[in-house]
């Protein structure tokens, strides 16, 4: 009798267990996850705010040979590029090099720029020691070499811009300030630096 009861109990427990398995409900839902990897770029030229570039031509030598140049710490700005993508860096004039009288102009390519690269990234420096003259259309100063990524932060992408005027170097105007016989007085010009993403 005991054996019969044990068998009956075991059979009932097995039936309950099997019913619980077949009665189990499974529900699921699919959720889509999206990630947008957007490019961020930041050009830091904070030193430009407290270090204006002013060329004072005072002597005949200044007029004949020009002022400034590569590694000349009288006319410079420190800069860096923070970017999550590969980039190129250019410059152009966005206003005439205009006398304060509002009429007389100096050709913009009397101003040239060279760059001392100090970052850890590998880049192409088109203004390494030999200046590029500033003109209204953009000239590329620094660029991606096509192999080594130049994305990065201050430590990988920092450099120093050196300015010069009237030195007749590189592709700057090949005539001295003296020979151009320019009207005396103060001239000003705005230039624009542009960082552009390189799309691979």
Protein backbone atom coordinates (compact mmCIF):
# COMPACT_ATOMS: atom_id res chain seq x y z
CA UNK A 1 0.00 0.00 0.00
CA UNK A 2 2.81 2.31 0.89
CA UNK A 3 4.50 1.55 -2.40
CA UNK A 4 1.26 2.28 -4.26
CA UNK A 5 0.89 5.63 -2.48
CA UNK A 6 4.49 6.55 -3.19
CA UNK A 7 4.08 5.69 -6.87
CA UNK A 8 0.85 7.70 -7.03
CA UNK A 9 2.50 10.69 -5.35
CA UNK A 10 5.50 10.48 -7.71
CA UNK A 11 3.18 10.24 -10.72
CA UNK A 12 1.20 13.32 -9.57
CA UNK A 13 4.39 15.32 -8.99
CA UNK A 14 5.65 14.35 -12.45
CA UNK A 15 2.35 15.47 -14.02
CA UNK A 16 2.49 18.81 -12.15
CA UNK A 17 6.11 19.31 -13.27
CA UNK A 18 5.31 18.48 -16.91
CA UNK A 19 2.30 20.81 -16.82
CA UNK A 20 4.43 23.61 -15.44
CA UNK A 21 6.94 23.12 -18.30
CA UNK A 22 4.32 23.11 -21.05
CA UNK A 23 2.51 26.05 -19.49
CA UNK A 24 5.65 28.31 -19.38
CA UNK A 25 5.21 31.57 -21.34
CA UNK A 26 8.07 33.26 -23.19
CA UNK A 27 7.76 36.89 -24.35
CA UNK A 28 10.46 39.00 -26.03
CA UNK A 29 10.88 42.41 -27.56
CA UNK A 30 13.57 43.81 -29.88
CA UNK A 31 15.00 47.25 -29.11
CA UNK A 32 17.16 49.12 -31.65
CA UNK A 33 20.22 50.90 -30.30
CA UNK A 34 21.72 53.75 -32.33
CA UNK A 35 25.11 55.42 -31.98
CA UNK A 36 25.99 58.62 -33.87
CA UNK A 37 29.74 59.16 -34.12
CA UNK A 38 29.75 62.87 -34.90
CA UNK A 39 32.91 64.79 -35.73
CA UNK A 40 34.04 67.40 -33.23
CA UNK A 41 36.72 69.97 -34.00
CA UNK A 42 38.14 72.81 -31.94
CA UNK A 43 40.81 75.29 -33.02
CA UNK A 44 42.48 76.82 -29.96
CA UNK A 45 44.27 80.10 -30.65
CA UNK A 46 43.91 81.57 -27.17
CA UNK A 47 47.29 83.30 -27.40
CA UNK A 48 45.95 85.44 -30.27
CA UNK A 49 43.77 87.32 -27.80
CA UNK A 50 46.66 88.85 -25.87
CA UNK A 51 49.40 88.82 -28.51
CA UNK A 52 48.36 91.09 -31.38
CA UNK A 53 50.67 91.00 -34.40
CA UNK A 54 51.86 94.54 -35.16
CA UNK A 55 54.61 95.22 -37.70
CA UNK A 56 56.32 98.56 -36.99
CA UNK A 57 58.49 99.66 -39.93
CA UNK A 58 60.90 102.24 -38.54
CA UNK A 59 64.22 101.93 -40.38
CA UNK A 60 65.33 101.74 -43.99
CA UNK A 61 66.49 98.19 -43.25
CA UNK A 62 62.97 97.27 -42.11
CA UNK A 63 61.56 98.61 -45.38
CA UNK A 64 64.14 96.78 -47.52
CA UNK A 65 64.33 93.42 -45.73
CA UNK A 66 60.99 93.14 -43.98
CA UNK A 67 60.14 92.04 -40.45
CA UNK A 68 59.52 88.72 -38.72
CA UNK A 69 60.05 85.24 -40.08
CA UNK A 70 60.42 81.63 -39.06
CA UNK A 71 61.43 81.22 -35.42
CA UNK A 72 61.07 84.99 -34.82
CA UNK A 73 59.39 85.31 -31.45
CA UNK A 74 58.35 88.91 -31.97
CA UNK A 75 55.51 87.87 -34.28
CA UNK A 76 53.90 84.56 -33.35
CA UNK A 77 50.83 82.77 -32.04
CA UNK A 78 50.53 79.40 -30.33
CA UNK A 79 47.75 77.12 -31.55
CA UNK A 80 46.37 73.60 -31.32
CA UNK A 81 43.67 71.51 -32.97
CA UNK A 82 41.44 69.08 -31.07
CA UNK A 83 39.64 66.77 -33.47
CA UNK A 84 37.99 63.35 -33.58
CA UNK A 85 38.62 63.13 -37.34
CA UNK A 86 41.46 63.71 -39.79
CA UNK A 87 41.77 67.37 -40.78
CA UNK A 88 43.49 70.05 -42.83
CA UNK A 89 44.28 73.60 -41.68
CA UNK A 90 44.26 76.62 -43.96
CA UNK A 91 44.34 80.41 -43.98
CA UNK A 92 42.97 83.20 -46.17
CA UNK A 93 42.49 86.95 -46.02
CA UNK A 94 38.89 88.01 -45.43
CA UNK A 95 39.43 91.73 -45.82
CA UNK A 96 41.74 94.00 -47.83
CA UNK A 97 45.00 95.12 -46.21
CA UNK A 98 43.55 98.59 -45.93
CA UNK A 99 44.99 101.97 -44.91
CA UNK A 100 43.09 103.81 -42.21
CA UNK A 101 42.02 106.35 -44.87
CA UNK A 102 39.78 103.61 -46.28
CA UNK A 103 41.21 103.83 -49.80
CA UNK A 104 44.84 102.69 -50.03
CA UNK A 105 45.68 98.98 -49.92
CA UNK A 106 48.76 96.83 -49.45
CA UNK A 107 48.81 93.52 -51.41
CA UNK A 108 47.88 90.84 -48.88
CA UNK A 109 50.73 88.53 -49.92
CA UNK A 110 53.17 90.94 -48.27
CA UNK A 111 52.27 88.89 -45.19
CA UNK A 112 53.60 85.33 -44.92
CA UNK A 113 53.16 82.51 -42.41
CA UNK A 114 55.46 79.69 -41.35
CA UNK A 115 54.70 76.94 -38.83
CA UNK A 116 56.80 75.16 -36.25
CA UNK A 117 55.03 71.82 -35.66
CA UNK A 118 55.34 70.55 -32.08
CA UNK A 119 52.63 67.88 -31.87
CA UNK A 120 53.16 64.13 -31.69
CA UNK A 121 51.06 63.40 -34.78
CA UNK A 122 52.60 63.00 -38.21
CA UNK A 123 51.33 65.68 -40.62
CA UNK A 124 52.31 67.46 -43.83
CA UNK A 125 53.56 70.96 -43.00
CA UNK A 126 53.35 73.11 -46.13
CA UNK A 127 54.65 76.13 -44.20
CA UNK A 128 57.72 74.52 -42.65
CA UNK A 129 60.40 77.27 -42.56
CA UNK A 130 59.35 78.64 -46.00
CA UNK A 131 56.43 81.08 -45.74
CA UNK A 132 53.15 80.95 -47.61
CA UNK A 133 51.85 84.38 -48.63
CA UNK A 134 48.30 85.21 -47.57
CA UNK A 135 45.75 85.72 -50.34
CA UNK A 136 41.91 85.81 -50.46
CA UNK A 137 41.67 82.15 -51.48
CA UNK A 138 42.53 79.53 -48.86
CA UNK A 139 46.05 78.14 -48.67
CA UNK A 140 46.53 74.85 -46.84
CA UNK A 141 49.19 75.16 -44.15
CA UNK A 142 48.91 71.74 -42.46
CA UNK A 143 47.27 68.57 -43.70
CA UNK A 144 46.65 64.83 -43.26
CA UNK A 145 49.36 62.72 -44.89
CA UNK A 146 46.88 60.09 -46.09
CA UNK A 147 48.38 57.34 -43.92
CA UNK A 148 48.81 58.41 -40.29
CA UNK A 149 45.71 59.75 -38.56
CA UNK A 150 46.09 63.32 -37.33
CA UNK A 151 43.00 63.19 -35.09
CA UNK A 152 43.89 64.02 -31.51
CA UNK A 153 44.22 66.64 -28.80
CA UNK A 154 46.59 69.43 -27.75
CA UNK A 155 49.53 67.09 -27.16
CA UNK A 156 49.28 65.52 -30.60
CA UNK A 157 48.30 68.64 -32.59
CA UNK A 158 50.01 71.76 -31.23
CA UNK A 159 52.10 74.23 -33.23
CA UNK A 160 53.41 77.79 -33.44
CA UNK A 161 52.52 80.22 -36.23
CA UNK A 162 55.19 82.77 -37.18
CA UNK A 163 54.32 85.87 -39.18
CA UNK A 164 56.46 88.00 -41.47
CA UNK A 165 55.91 91.03 -43.64
CA UNK A 166 57.88 92.34 -46.61
CA UNK A 167 60.59 89.65 -46.48
CA UNK A 168 59.90 88.55 -50.09
CA UNK A 169 60.37 84.91 -49.03
CA UNK A 170 58.61 81.81 -50.35
CA UNK A 171 55.62 82.76 -52.47
CA UNK A 172 55.17 86.14 -50.79
CA UNK A 173 55.21 89.34 -52.86
CA UNK A 174 58.63 89.56 -54.50
CA UNK A 175 59.04 93.29 -53.98
CA UNK A 176 60.21 95.04 -50.82
CA UNK A 177 57.97 97.40 -48.87
CA UNK A 178 60.47 100.12 -49.77
CA UNK A 179 60.17 99.46 -53.53
CA UNK A 180 56.35 99.40 -53.37
CA UNK A 181 56.36 103.06 -52.34
CA UNK A 182 53.32 102.67 -50.12
CA UNK A 183 51.45 105.47 -48.39
CA UNK A 184 52.67 105.91 -44.81
CA UNK A 185 50.26 105.20 -41.99
CA UNK A 186 48.47 102.29 -40.33
CA UNK A 187 47.08 99.34 -42.33
CA UNK A 188 44.97 96.48 -41.00
CA UNK A 189 43.77 93.17 -42.41
CA UNK A 190 41.65 90.31 -41.07
CA UNK A 191 42.68 86.74 -41.80
CA UNK A 192 40.70 83.57 -41.21
CA UNK A 193 42.03 80.18 -40.13
CA UNK A 194 39.92 77.18 -41.12
CA UNK A 195 40.04 73.56 -39.91
CA UNK A 196 38.29 71.17 -42.31
CA UNK A 197 37.46 67.49 -41.81
CA UNK A 198 39.08 65.08 -44.26
CA UNK A 199 36.57 62.51 -45.49
CA UNK A 200 38.35 59.24 -46.26
